[in-house]
PDB file of N, CA and C in Angstrom:
ATOM      1  N   UNK A   1      -3.277 -21.925  -2.378  1.00  0.00           N
ATOM      2  CA  UNK A   1      -4.131 -21.469  -3.454  1.00  0.00           C
ATOM      3  C   UNK A   1      -4.591 -20.040  -3.143  1.00  0.00           C
ATOM      4  N   UNK A   2      -4.434 -19.147  -4.129  1.00  0.00           N
ATOM      5  CA  UNK A   2      -4.809 -17.747  -3.945  1.00  0.00           C
ATOM      6  C   UNK A   2      -6.312 -17.570  -4.113  1.00  0.00           C
ATOM      7  N   UNK A   3      -6.897 -16.798  -3.222  1.00  0.00           N
ATOM      8  CA  UNK A   3      -8.328 -16.530  -3.287  1.00  0.00           C
ATOM      9  C   UNK A   3      -8.630 -15.577  -4.431  1.00  0.00           C
ATOM     10  N   UNK A   4      -9.724 -15.830  -5.175  1.00  0.00           N
ATOM     11  CA  UNK A   4     -10.079 -14.922  -6.261  1.00  0.00           C
ATOM     12  C   UNK A   4     -10.680 -13.612  -5.748  1.00  0.00           C
ATOM     13  N   UNK A   5     -10.955 -13.544  -4.474  1.00  0.00           N
ATOM     14  CA  UNK A   5     -11.518 -12.340  -3.860  1.00  0.00           C
ATOM     15  C   UNK A   5     -10.370 -11.507  -3.301  1.00  0.00           C
ATOM     16  N   UNK A   6     -10.335 -10.225  -3.688  1.00  0.00           N
ATOM     17  CA  UNK A   6      -9.271  -9.335  -3.240  1.00  0.00           C
ATOM     18  C   UNK A   6      -9.871  -8.215  -2.396  1.00  0.00           C
ATOM     19  N   UNK A   7      -9.242  -7.933  -1.260  1.00  0.00           N
ATOM     20  CA  UNK A   7      -9.701  -6.841  -0.397  1.00  0.00           C
ATOM     21  C   UNK A   7      -9.067  -5.548  -0.887  1.00  0.00           C
ATOM     22  N   UNK A   8      -9.916  -4.535  -1.116  1.00  0.00           N
ATOM     23  CA  UNK A   8      -9.456  -3.241  -1.598  1.00  0.00           C
ATOM     24  C   UNK A   8      -9.963  -2.146  -0.675  1.00  0.00           C
ATOM     25  N   UNK A   9      -9.194  -1.085  -0.553  1.00  0.00           N
ATOM     26  CA  UNK A   9      -9.592   0.057   0.267  1.00  0.00           C
ATOM     27  C   UNK A   9     -10.139   1.154  -0.634  1.00  0.00           C
ATOM     28  N   UNK A  10     -11.145   1.861  -0.132  1.00  0.00           N
ATOM     29  CA  UNK A  10     -11.750   2.955  -0.869  1.00  0.00           C
ATOM     30  C   UNK A  10     -12.256   3.979   0.147  1.00  0.00           C
ATOM     31  N   UNK A  11     -12.217   5.240  -0.248  1.00  0.00           N
ATOM     32  CA  UNK A  11     -12.704   6.306   0.622  1.00  0.00           C
ATOM     33  C   UNK A  11     -14.117   6.670   0.186  1.00  0.00           C
ATOM     34  N   UNK A  12     -15.052   6.576   1.131  1.00  0.00           N
ATOM     35  CA  UNK A  12     -16.456   6.906   0.884  1.00  0.00           C
ATOM     36  C   UNK A  12     -16.862   7.988   1.865  1.00  0.00           C
ATOM     37  N   UNK A  13     -17.278   9.119   1.330  1.00  0.00           N
ATOM     38  CA  UNK A  13     -17.722  10.249   2.163  1.00  0.00           C
ATOM     39  C   UNK A  13     -16.692  10.591   3.237  1.00  0.00           C
ATOM     40  N   UNK A  14     -15.417  10.569   2.852  1.00  0.00           N
ATOM     41  CA  UNK A  14     -14.349  10.938   3.772  1.00  0.00           C
ATOM     42  C   UNK A  14     -13.887   9.843   4.712  1.00  0.00           C
ATOM     43  N   UNK A  15     -14.477   8.666   4.631  1.00  0.00           N
ATOM     44  CA  UNK A  15     -14.097   7.555   5.505  1.00  0.00           C
ATOM     45  C   UNK A  15     -13.511   6.423   4.681  1.00  0.00           C
ATOM     46  N   UNK A  16     -12.397   5.897   5.133  1.00  0.00           N
ATOM     47  CA  UNK A  16     -11.750   4.788   4.451  1.00  0.00           C
ATOM     48  C   UNK A  16     -12.427   3.484   4.870  1.00  0.00           C
ATOM     49  N   UNK A  17     -12.773   2.669   3.897  1.00  0.00           N
ATOM     50  CA  UNK A  17     -13.367   1.369   4.179  1.00  0.00           C
ATOM     51  C   UNK A  17     -12.773   0.354   3.208  1.00  0.00           C
ATOM     52  N   UNK A  18     -12.999  -0.896   3.472  1.00  0.00           N
ATOM     53  CA  UNK A  18     -12.489  -1.921   2.561  1.00  0.00           C
ATOM     54  C   UNK A  18     -13.637  -2.783   2.064  1.00  0.00           C
ATOM     55  N   UNK A  19     -13.479  -3.239   0.831  1.00  0.00           N
ATOM     56  CA  UNK A  19     -14.452  -4.150   0.228  1.00  0.00           C
ATOM     57  C   UNK A  19     -13.686  -5.334  -0.340  1.00  0.00           C
ATOM     58  N   UNK A  20     -14.297  -6.477  -0.277  1.00  0.00           N
ATOM     59  CA  UNK A  20     -13.704  -7.689  -0.833  1.00  0.00           C
ATOM     60  C   UNK A  20     -14.479  -8.065  -2.083  1.00  0.00           C
ATOM     61  N   UNK A  21     -13.804  -7.965  -3.231  1.00  0.00           N
ATOM     62  CA  UNK A  21     -14.458  -8.237  -4.513  1.00  0.00           C
ATOM     63  C   UNK A  21     -13.538  -9.021  -5.431  1.00  0.00           C
ATOM     64  N   UNK A  22     -14.136  -9.804  -6.294  1.00  0.00           N
ATOM     65  CA  UNK A  22     -13.403 -10.470  -7.352  1.00  0.00           C
ATOM     66  C   UNK A  22     -12.976  -9.421  -8.377  1.00  0.00           C
ATOM     67  N   UNK A  23     -11.875  -9.678  -9.085  1.00  0.00           N
ATOM     68  CA  UNK A  23     -11.368  -8.727 -10.073  1.00  0.00           C
ATOM     69  C   UNK A  23     -12.422  -8.350 -11.114  1.00  0.00           C
ATOM     70  N   UNK A  24     -13.229  -9.305 -11.556  1.00  0.00           N
ATOM     71  CA  UNK A  24     -14.234  -9.034 -12.591  1.00  0.00           C
ATOM     72  C   UNK A  24     -15.246  -7.997 -12.108  1.00  0.00           C
ATOM     73  N   UNK A  25     -15.660  -8.081 -10.847  1.00  0.00           N
ATOM     74  CA  UNK A  25     -16.604  -7.094 -10.318  1.00  0.00           C
ATOM     75  C   UNK A  25     -15.932  -5.735 -10.148  1.00  0.00           C
ATOM     76  N   UNK A  26     -14.684  -5.724  -9.715  1.00  0.00           N
ATOM     77  CA  UNK A  26     -13.962  -4.472  -9.544  1.00  0.00           C
ATOM     78  C   UNK A  26     -13.801  -3.765 -10.891  1.00  0.00           C
ATOM     79  N   UNK A  27     -13.393  -4.504 -11.912  1.00  0.00           N
ATOM     80  CA  UNK A  27     -13.219  -3.921 -13.245  1.00  0.00           C
ATOM     81  C   UNK A  27     -14.549  -3.416 -13.798  1.00  0.00           C
ATOM     82  N   UNK A  28     -15.619  -4.185 -13.614  1.00  0.00           N
ATOM     83  CA  UNK A  28     -16.948  -3.766 -14.081  1.00  0.00           C
ATOM     84  C   UNK A  28     -17.388  -2.497 -13.362  1.00  0.00           C
ATOM     85  N   UNK A  29     -17.132  -2.416 -12.070  1.00  0.00           N
ATOM     86  CA  UNK A  29     -17.491  -1.240 -11.294  1.00  0.00           C
ATOM     87  C   UNK A  29     -16.761  -0.007 -11.823  1.00  0.00           C
ATOM     88  N   UNK A  30     -15.483  -0.160 -12.145  1.00  0.00           N
ATOM     89  CA  UNK A  30     -14.713   0.954 -12.701  1.00  0.00           C
ATOM     90  C   UNK A  30     -15.265   1.376 -14.064  1.00  0.00           C
ATOM     91  N   UNK A  31     -15.662   0.413 -14.890  1.00  0.00           N
ATOM     92  CA  UNK A  31     -16.249   0.726 -16.199  1.00  0.00           C
ATOM     93  C   UNK A  31     -17.555   1.502 -16.041  1.00  0.00           C
ATOM     94  N   UNK A  32     -18.392   1.069 -15.121  1.00  0.00           N
ATOM     95  CA  UNK A  32     -19.673   1.740 -14.894  1.00  0.00           C
ATOM     96  C   UNK A  32     -19.438   3.164 -14.408  1.00  0.00           C
ATOM     97  N   UNK A  33     -18.517   3.343 -13.480  1.00  0.00           N
ATOM     98  CA  UNK A  33     -18.204   4.686 -12.966  1.00  0.00           C
ATOM     99  C   UNK A  33     -17.727   5.585 -14.106  1.00  0.00           C
ATOM    100  N   UNK A  34     -16.856   5.071 -14.943  1.00  0.00           N
ATOM    101  CA  UNK A  34     -16.342   5.865 -16.066  1.00  0.00           C
ATOM    102  C   UNK A  34     -17.456   6.234 -17.040  1.00  0.00           C
ATOM    103  N   UNK A  35     -18.340   5.275 -17.317  1.00  0.00           N
ATOM    104  CA  UNK A  35     -19.424   5.539 -18.261  1.00  0.00           C
ATOM    105  C   UNK A  35     -20.397   6.585 -17.728  1.00  0.00           C
ATOM    106  N   UNK A  36     -20.495   6.694 -16.412  1.00  0.00           N
ATOM    107  CA  UNK A  36     -21.383   7.687 -15.784  1.00  0.00           C
ATOM    108  C   UNK A  36     -20.640   8.965 -15.410  1.00  0.00           C
ATOM    109  N   UNK A  37     -19.369   8.997 -15.746  1.00  0.00           N
ATOM    110  CA  UNK A  37     -18.504  10.143 -15.430  1.00  0.00           C
ATOM    111  C   UNK A  37     -18.495  10.455 -13.943  1.00  0.00           C
ATOM    112  N   UNK A  38     -18.367   9.386 -13.168  1.00  0.00           N
ATOM    113  CA  UNK A  38     -18.277   9.486 -11.714  1.00  0.00           C
ATOM    114  C   UNK A  38     -16.935   8.935 -11.269  1.00  0.00           C
ATOM    115  N   UNK A  39     -16.480   9.388 -10.115  1.00  0.00           N
ATOM    116  CA  UNK A  39     -15.316   8.729  -9.530  1.00  0.00           C
ATOM    117  C   UNK A  39     -15.797   7.400  -8.954  1.00  0.00           C
ATOM    118  N   UNK A  40     -14.873   6.506  -8.794  1.00  0.00           N
ATOM    119  CA  UNK A  40     -15.204   5.212  -8.195  1.00  0.00           C
ATOM    120  C   UNK A  40     -15.752   5.422  -6.784  1.00  0.00           C
ATOM    121  N   UNK A  41     -15.161   6.331  -6.042  1.00  0.00           N
ATOM    122  CA  UNK A  41     -15.632   6.620  -4.684  1.00  0.00           C
ATOM    123  C   UNK A  41     -17.057   7.151  -4.674  1.00  0.00           C
ATOM    124  N   UNK A  42     -17.376   8.030  -5.629  1.00  0.00           N
ATOM    125  CA  UNK A  42     -18.737   8.574  -5.681  1.00  0.00           C
ATOM    126  C   UNK A  42     -19.754   7.489  -6.019  1.00  0.00           C
ATOM    127  N   UNK A  43     -19.412   6.611  -6.958  1.00  0.00           N
ATOM    128  CA  UNK A  43     -20.335   5.531  -7.306  1.00  0.00           C
ATOM    129  C   UNK A  43     -20.536   4.593  -6.127  1.00  0.00           C
ATOM    130  N   UNK A  44     -19.464   4.224  -5.459  1.00  0.00           N
ATOM    131  CA  UNK A  44     -19.575   3.322  -4.311  1.00  0.00           C
ATOM    132  C   UNK A  44     -20.354   3.997  -3.184  1.00  0.00           C
ATOM    133  N   UNK A  45     -20.186   5.298  -3.005  1.00  0.00           N
ATOM    134  CA  UNK A  45     -20.959   6.014  -1.979  1.00  0.00           C
ATOM    135  C   UNK A  45     -22.449   5.968  -2.302  1.00  0.00           C
ATOM    136  N   UNK A  46     -22.789   6.093  -3.570  1.00  0.00           N
ATOM    137  CA  UNK A  46     -24.192   6.010  -3.986  1.00  0.00           C
ATOM    138  C   UNK A  46     -24.752   4.621  -3.706  1.00  0.00           C
ATOM    139  N   UNK A  47     -23.981   3.599  -4.042  1.00  0.00           N
ATOM    140  CA  UNK A  47     -24.396   2.216  -3.790  1.00  0.00           C
ATOM    141  C   UNK A  47     -24.571   2.003  -2.289  1.00  0.00           C
ATOM    142  N   UNK A  48     -23.625   2.505  -1.522  1.00  0.00           N
ATOM    143  CA  UNK A  48     -23.665   2.338  -0.062  1.00  0.00           C
ATOM    144  C   UNK A  48     -24.899   3.011   0.536  1.00  0.00           C
ATOM    145  N   UNK A  49     -25.223   4.200   0.068  1.00  0.00           N
ATOM    146  CA  UNK A  49     -26.367   4.916   0.645  1.00  0.00           C
ATOM    147  C   UNK A  49     -27.698   4.297   0.240  1.00  0.00           C
ATOM    148  N   UNK A  50     -27.725   3.565  -0.864  1.00  0.00           N
ATOM    149  CA  UNK A  50     -28.975   2.966  -1.341  1.00  0.00           C
ATOM    150  C   UNK A  50     -29.243   1.580  -0.765  1.00  0.00           C
ATOM    151  N   UNK A  51     -28.236   0.958  -0.190  1.00  0.00           N
ATOM    152  CA  UNK A  51     -28.439  -0.421   0.288  1.00  0.00           C
ATOM    153  C   UNK A  51     -29.266  -0.432   1.558  1.00  0.00           C
ATOM    154  N   UNK A  52     -30.099  -1.452   1.661  1.00  0.00           N
ATOM    155  CA  UNK A  52     -30.968  -1.571   2.826  1.00  0.00           C
ATOM    156  C   UNK A  52     -30.542  -2.704   3.747  1.00  0.00           C
ATOM    157  N   UNK A  53     -29.749  -3.626   3.230  1.00  0.00           N
ATOM    158  CA  UNK A  53     -29.279  -4.729   4.057  1.00  0.00           C
ATOM    159  C   UNK A  53     -28.032  -5.323   3.442  1.00  0.00           C
ATOM    160  N   UNK A  54     -27.395  -6.202   4.173  1.00  0.00           N
ATOM    161  CA  UNK A  54     -26.195  -6.856   3.672  1.00  0.00           C
ATOM    162  C   UNK A  54     -24.978  -5.964   3.766  1.00  0.00           C
ATOM    163  N   UNK A  55     -23.840  -6.520   3.369  1.00  0.00           N
ATOM    164  CA  UNK A  55     -22.607  -5.747   3.446  1.00  0.00           C
ATOM    165  C   UNK A  55     -22.334  -5.020   2.126  1.00  0.00           C
ATOM    166  N   UNK A  56     -21.380  -4.117   2.143  1.00  0.00           N
ATOM    167  CA  UNK A  56     -21.097  -3.288   0.980  1.00  0.00           C
ATOM    168  C   UNK A  56     -20.606  -4.120  -0.202  1.00  0.00           C
ATOM    169  N   UNK A  57     -19.797  -5.113   0.042  1.00  0.00           N
ATOM    170  CA  UNK A  57     -19.302  -5.952  -1.061  1.00  0.00           C
ATOM    171  C   UNK A  57     -20.462  -6.631  -1.791  1.00  0.00           C
ATOM    172  N   UNK A  58     -21.405  -7.152  -1.046  1.00  0.00           N
ATOM    173  CA  UNK A  58     -22.580  -7.782  -1.655  1.00  0.00           C
ATOM    174  C   UNK A  58     -23.406  -6.760  -2.422  1.00  0.00           C
ATOM    175  N   UNK A  59     -23.575  -5.577  -1.848  1.00  0.00           N
ATOM    176  CA  UNK A  59     -24.343  -4.528  -2.519  1.00  0.00           C
ATOM    177  C   UNK A  59     -23.699  -4.136  -3.845  1.00  0.00           C
ATOM    178  N   UNK A  60     -22.373  -4.086  -3.876  1.00  0.00           N
ATOM    179  CA  UNK A  60     -21.668  -3.755  -5.118  1.00  0.00           C
ATOM    180  C   UNK A  60     -21.882  -4.853  -6.157  1.00  0.00           C
ATOM    181  N   UNK A  61     -21.745  -6.105  -5.739  1.00  0.00           N
ATOM    182  CA  UNK A  61     -21.966  -7.218  -6.684  1.00  0.00           C
ATOM    183  C   UNK A  61     -23.373  -7.166  -7.267  1.00  0.00           C
ATOM    184  N   UNK A  62     -24.368  -6.932  -6.427  1.00  0.00           N
ATOM    185  CA  UNK A  62     -25.753  -6.865  -6.901  1.00  0.00           C
ATOM    186  C   UNK A  62     -25.966  -5.666  -7.822  1.00  0.00           C
ATOM    187  N   UNK A  63     -25.332  -4.540  -7.517  1.00  0.00           N
ATOM    188  CA  UNK A  63     -25.423  -3.356  -8.373  1.00  0.00           C
ATOM    189  C   UNK A  63     -24.855  -3.658  -9.763  1.00  0.00           C
ATOM    190  N   UNK A  64     -23.676  -4.268  -9.811  1.00  0.00           N
ATOM    191  CA  UNK A  64     -23.041  -4.603 -11.099  1.00  0.00           C
ATOM    192  C   UNK A  64     -23.911  -5.585 -11.873  1.00  0.00           C
ATOM    193  N   UNK A  65     -24.419  -6.601 -11.198  1.00  0.00           N
ATOM    194  CA  UNK A  65     -25.296  -7.573 -11.847  1.00  0.00           C
ATOM    195  C   UNK A  65     -26.527  -6.888 -12.426  1.00  0.00           C
ATOM    196  N   UNK A  66     -27.155  -6.038 -11.637  1.00  0.00           N
ATOM    197  CA  UNK A  66     -28.346  -5.325 -12.088  1.00  0.00           C
ATOM    198  C   UNK A  66     -28.035  -4.417 -13.279  1.00  0.00           C
ATOM    199  N   UNK A  67     -26.890  -3.760 -13.244  1.00  0.00           N
ATOM    200  CA  UNK A  67     -26.493  -2.877 -14.348  1.00  0.00           C
ATOM    201  C   UNK A  67     -26.384  -3.663 -15.655  1.00  0.00           C
ATOM    202  N   UNK A  68     -25.685  -4.779 -15.621  1.00  0.00           N
ATOM    203  CA  UNK A  68     -25.482  -5.555 -16.849  1.00  0.00           C
ATOM    204  C   UNK A  68     -26.729  -6.324 -17.269  1.00  0.00           C
ATOM    205  N   UNK A  69     -27.568  -6.705 -16.332  1.00  0.00           N
ATOM    206  CA  UNK A  69     -28.857  -7.310 -16.706  1.00  0.00           C
ATOM    207  C   UNK A  69     -29.709  -6.299 -17.462  1.00  0.00           C
ATOM    208  N   UNK A  70     -29.740  -5.073 -16.966  1.00  0.00           N
ATOM    209  CA  UNK A  70     -30.488  -4.015 -17.633  1.00  0.00           C
ATOM    210  C   UNK A  70     -29.956  -3.745 -19.021  1.00  0.00           C
ATOM    211  N   UNK A  71     -28.640  -3.736 -19.159  1.00  0.00           N
ATOM    212  CA  UNK A  71     -28.032  -3.513 -20.471  1.00  0.00           C
ATOM    213  C   UNK A  71     -28.352  -4.665 -21.419  1.00  0.00           C
ATOM    214  N   UNK A  72     -28.376  -5.877 -20.902  1.00  0.00           N
ATOM    215  CA  UNK A  72     -28.661  -7.042 -21.745  1.00  0.00           C
ATOM    216  C   UNK A  72     -30.109  -7.041 -22.224  1.00  0.00           C
ATOM    217  N   UNK A  73     -31.016  -6.557 -21.419  1.00  0.00           N
ATOM    218  CA  UNK A  73     -32.424  -6.520 -21.806  1.00  0.00           C
ATOM    219  C   UNK A  73     -32.679  -5.501 -22.904  1.00  0.00           C
ATOM    220  N   UNK A  74     -31.806  -4.514 -23.029  1.00  0.00           N
ATOM    221  CA  UNK A  74     -31.961  -3.490 -24.055  1.00  0.00           C
ATOM    222  C   UNK A  74     -31.173  -3.798 -25.320  1.00  0.00           C
ATOM    223  N   UNK A  75     -30.540  -4.967 -25.361  1.00  0.00           N
ATOM    224  CA  UNK A  75     -29.739  -5.364 -26.508  1.00  0.00           C
ATOM    225  C   UNK A  75     -30.389  -6.560 -27.179  1.00  0.00           C
ATOM    226  N   UNK A  76     -30.544  -6.531 -28.512  1.00  0.00           N
ATOM    227  CA  UNK A  76     -31.102  -7.701 -29.205  1.00  0.00           C
ATOM    228  C   UNK A  76     -30.246  -8.944 -28.972  1.00  0.00           C
ATOM    229  N   UNK A  77     -30.852 -10.098 -29.101  1.00  0.00           N
ATOM    230  CA  UNK A  77     -30.143 -11.363 -28.925  1.00  0.00           C
ATOM    231  C   UNK A  77     -28.982 -11.449 -29.913  1.00  0.00           C
ATOM    232  N   UNK A  78     -27.961 -12.213 -29.558  1.00  0.00           N
ATOM    233  CA  UNK A  78     -26.755 -12.315 -30.371  1.00  0.00           C
ATOM    234  C   UNK A  78     -27.071 -12.713 -31.804  1.00  0.00           C
ATOM    235  N   UNK A  79     -27.991 -13.607 -32.023  1.00  0.00           N
ATOM    236  CA  UNK A  79     -28.318 -14.065 -33.365  1.00  0.00           C
ATOM    237  C   UNK A  79     -29.327 -13.193 -34.088  1.00  0.00           C
ATOM    238  N   UNK A  80     -29.748 -12.108 -33.462  1.00  0.00           N
ATOM    239  CA  UNK A  80     -30.780 -11.261 -34.033  1.00  0.00           C
ATOM    240  C   UNK A  80     -30.315 -10.606 -35.324  1.00  0.00           C
ATOM    241  N   UNK A  81     -31.186 -10.608 -36.323  1.00  0.00           N
ATOM    242  CA  UNK A  81     -30.835  -9.987 -37.599  1.00  0.00           C
ATOM    243  C   UNK A  81     -30.735  -8.471 -37.464  1.00  0.00           C
ATOM    244  N   UNK A  82     -31.505  -7.860 -36.545  1.00  0.00           N
ATOM    245  CA  UNK A  82     -31.414  -6.419 -36.361  1.00  0.00           C
ATOM    246  C   UNK A  82     -30.019  -6.025 -35.885  1.00  0.00           C
ATOM    247  N   UNK A  83     -29.436  -6.824 -35.039  1.00  0.00           N
ATOM    248  CA  UNK A  83     -28.113  -6.518 -34.527  1.00  0.00           C
ATOM    249  C   UNK A  83     -27.080  -6.601 -35.647  1.00  0.00           C
ATOM    250  N   UNK A  84     -27.331  -7.437 -36.633  1.00  0.00           N
ATOM    251  CA  UNK A  84     -26.413  -7.571 -37.756  1.00  0.00           C
ATOM    252  C   UNK A  84     -26.677  -6.531 -38.836  1.00  0.00           C
ATOM    253  N   UNK A  85     -27.688  -5.712 -38.628  1.00  0.00           N
ATOM    254  CA  UNK A  85     -28.006  -4.688 -39.604  1.00  0.00           C
ATOM    255  C   UNK A  85     -28.840  -5.206 -40.769  1.00  0.00           C
ATOM    256  N   UNK A  86     -29.427  -6.372 -40.615  1.00  0.00           N
ATOM    257  CA  UNK A  86     -30.237  -6.966 -41.664  1.00  0.00           C
ATOM    258  C   UNK A  86     -31.695  -6.803 -41.266  1.00  0.00           C
ATOM    259  N   UNK A  87     -32.501  -6.294 -42.180  1.00  0.00           N
ATOM    260  CA  UNK A  87     -33.921  -6.160 -41.877  1.00  0.00           C
ATOM    261  C   UNK A  87     -34.688  -7.255 -42.575  1.00  0.00           C
ATOM    262  N   UNK A  88     -35.761  -7.676 -41.962  1.00  0.00           N
ATOM    263  CA  UNK A  88     -36.583  -8.731 -42.522  1.00  0.00           C
ATOM    264  C   UNK A  88     -37.567  -8.108 -43.506  1.00  0.00           C
ATOM    265  N   UNK A  89     -37.923  -8.834 -44.574  1.00  0.00           N
ATOM    266  CA  UNK A  89     -38.921  -8.315 -45.491  1.00  0.00           C
ATOM    267  C   UNK A  89     -40.265  -8.228 -44.791  1.00  0.00           C
ATOM    268  N   UNK A  90     -41.145  -7.303 -45.211  1.00  0.00           N
ATOM    269  CA  UNK A  90     -42.446  -7.198 -44.561  1.00  0.00           C
ATOM    270  C   UNK A  90     -43.261  -8.463 -44.747  1.00  0.00           C
ATOM    271  N   UNK A  91     -44.038  -8.794 -43.729  1.00  0.00           N
ATOM    272  CA  UNK A  91     -44.880  -9.976 -43.764  1.00  0.00           C
ATOM    273  C   UNK A  91     -46.177  -9.621 -44.480  1.00  0.00           C
ATOM    274  N   UNK A  92     -46.552 -10.450 -45.465  1.00  0.00           N
ATOM    275  CA  UNK A  92     -47.779 -10.185 -46.254  1.00  0.00           C
ATOM    276  C   UNK A  92     -48.998 -10.691 -45.560  1.00  0.00           C
TER     277      UNK A  92
END
């Protein structure tokens, strides 16, 4: 059985290192880097320099989770009428 975790190599601040991440986290990390107009290496270097404990793979997973949690808090609920472009009549 193949493990869903894949080890990948990346260069951070001139040093080659490896991280073990699931494909979903790797793809999300690439999306975040692109949206911030950063290279993947620059984003991972930022994550690495900000971590206070744990390994780099865990820090990346937590960063991705935090990013999407923040995005979800700024988005109306799926069933929200505002998201559908429908406004409610004023309450009398």
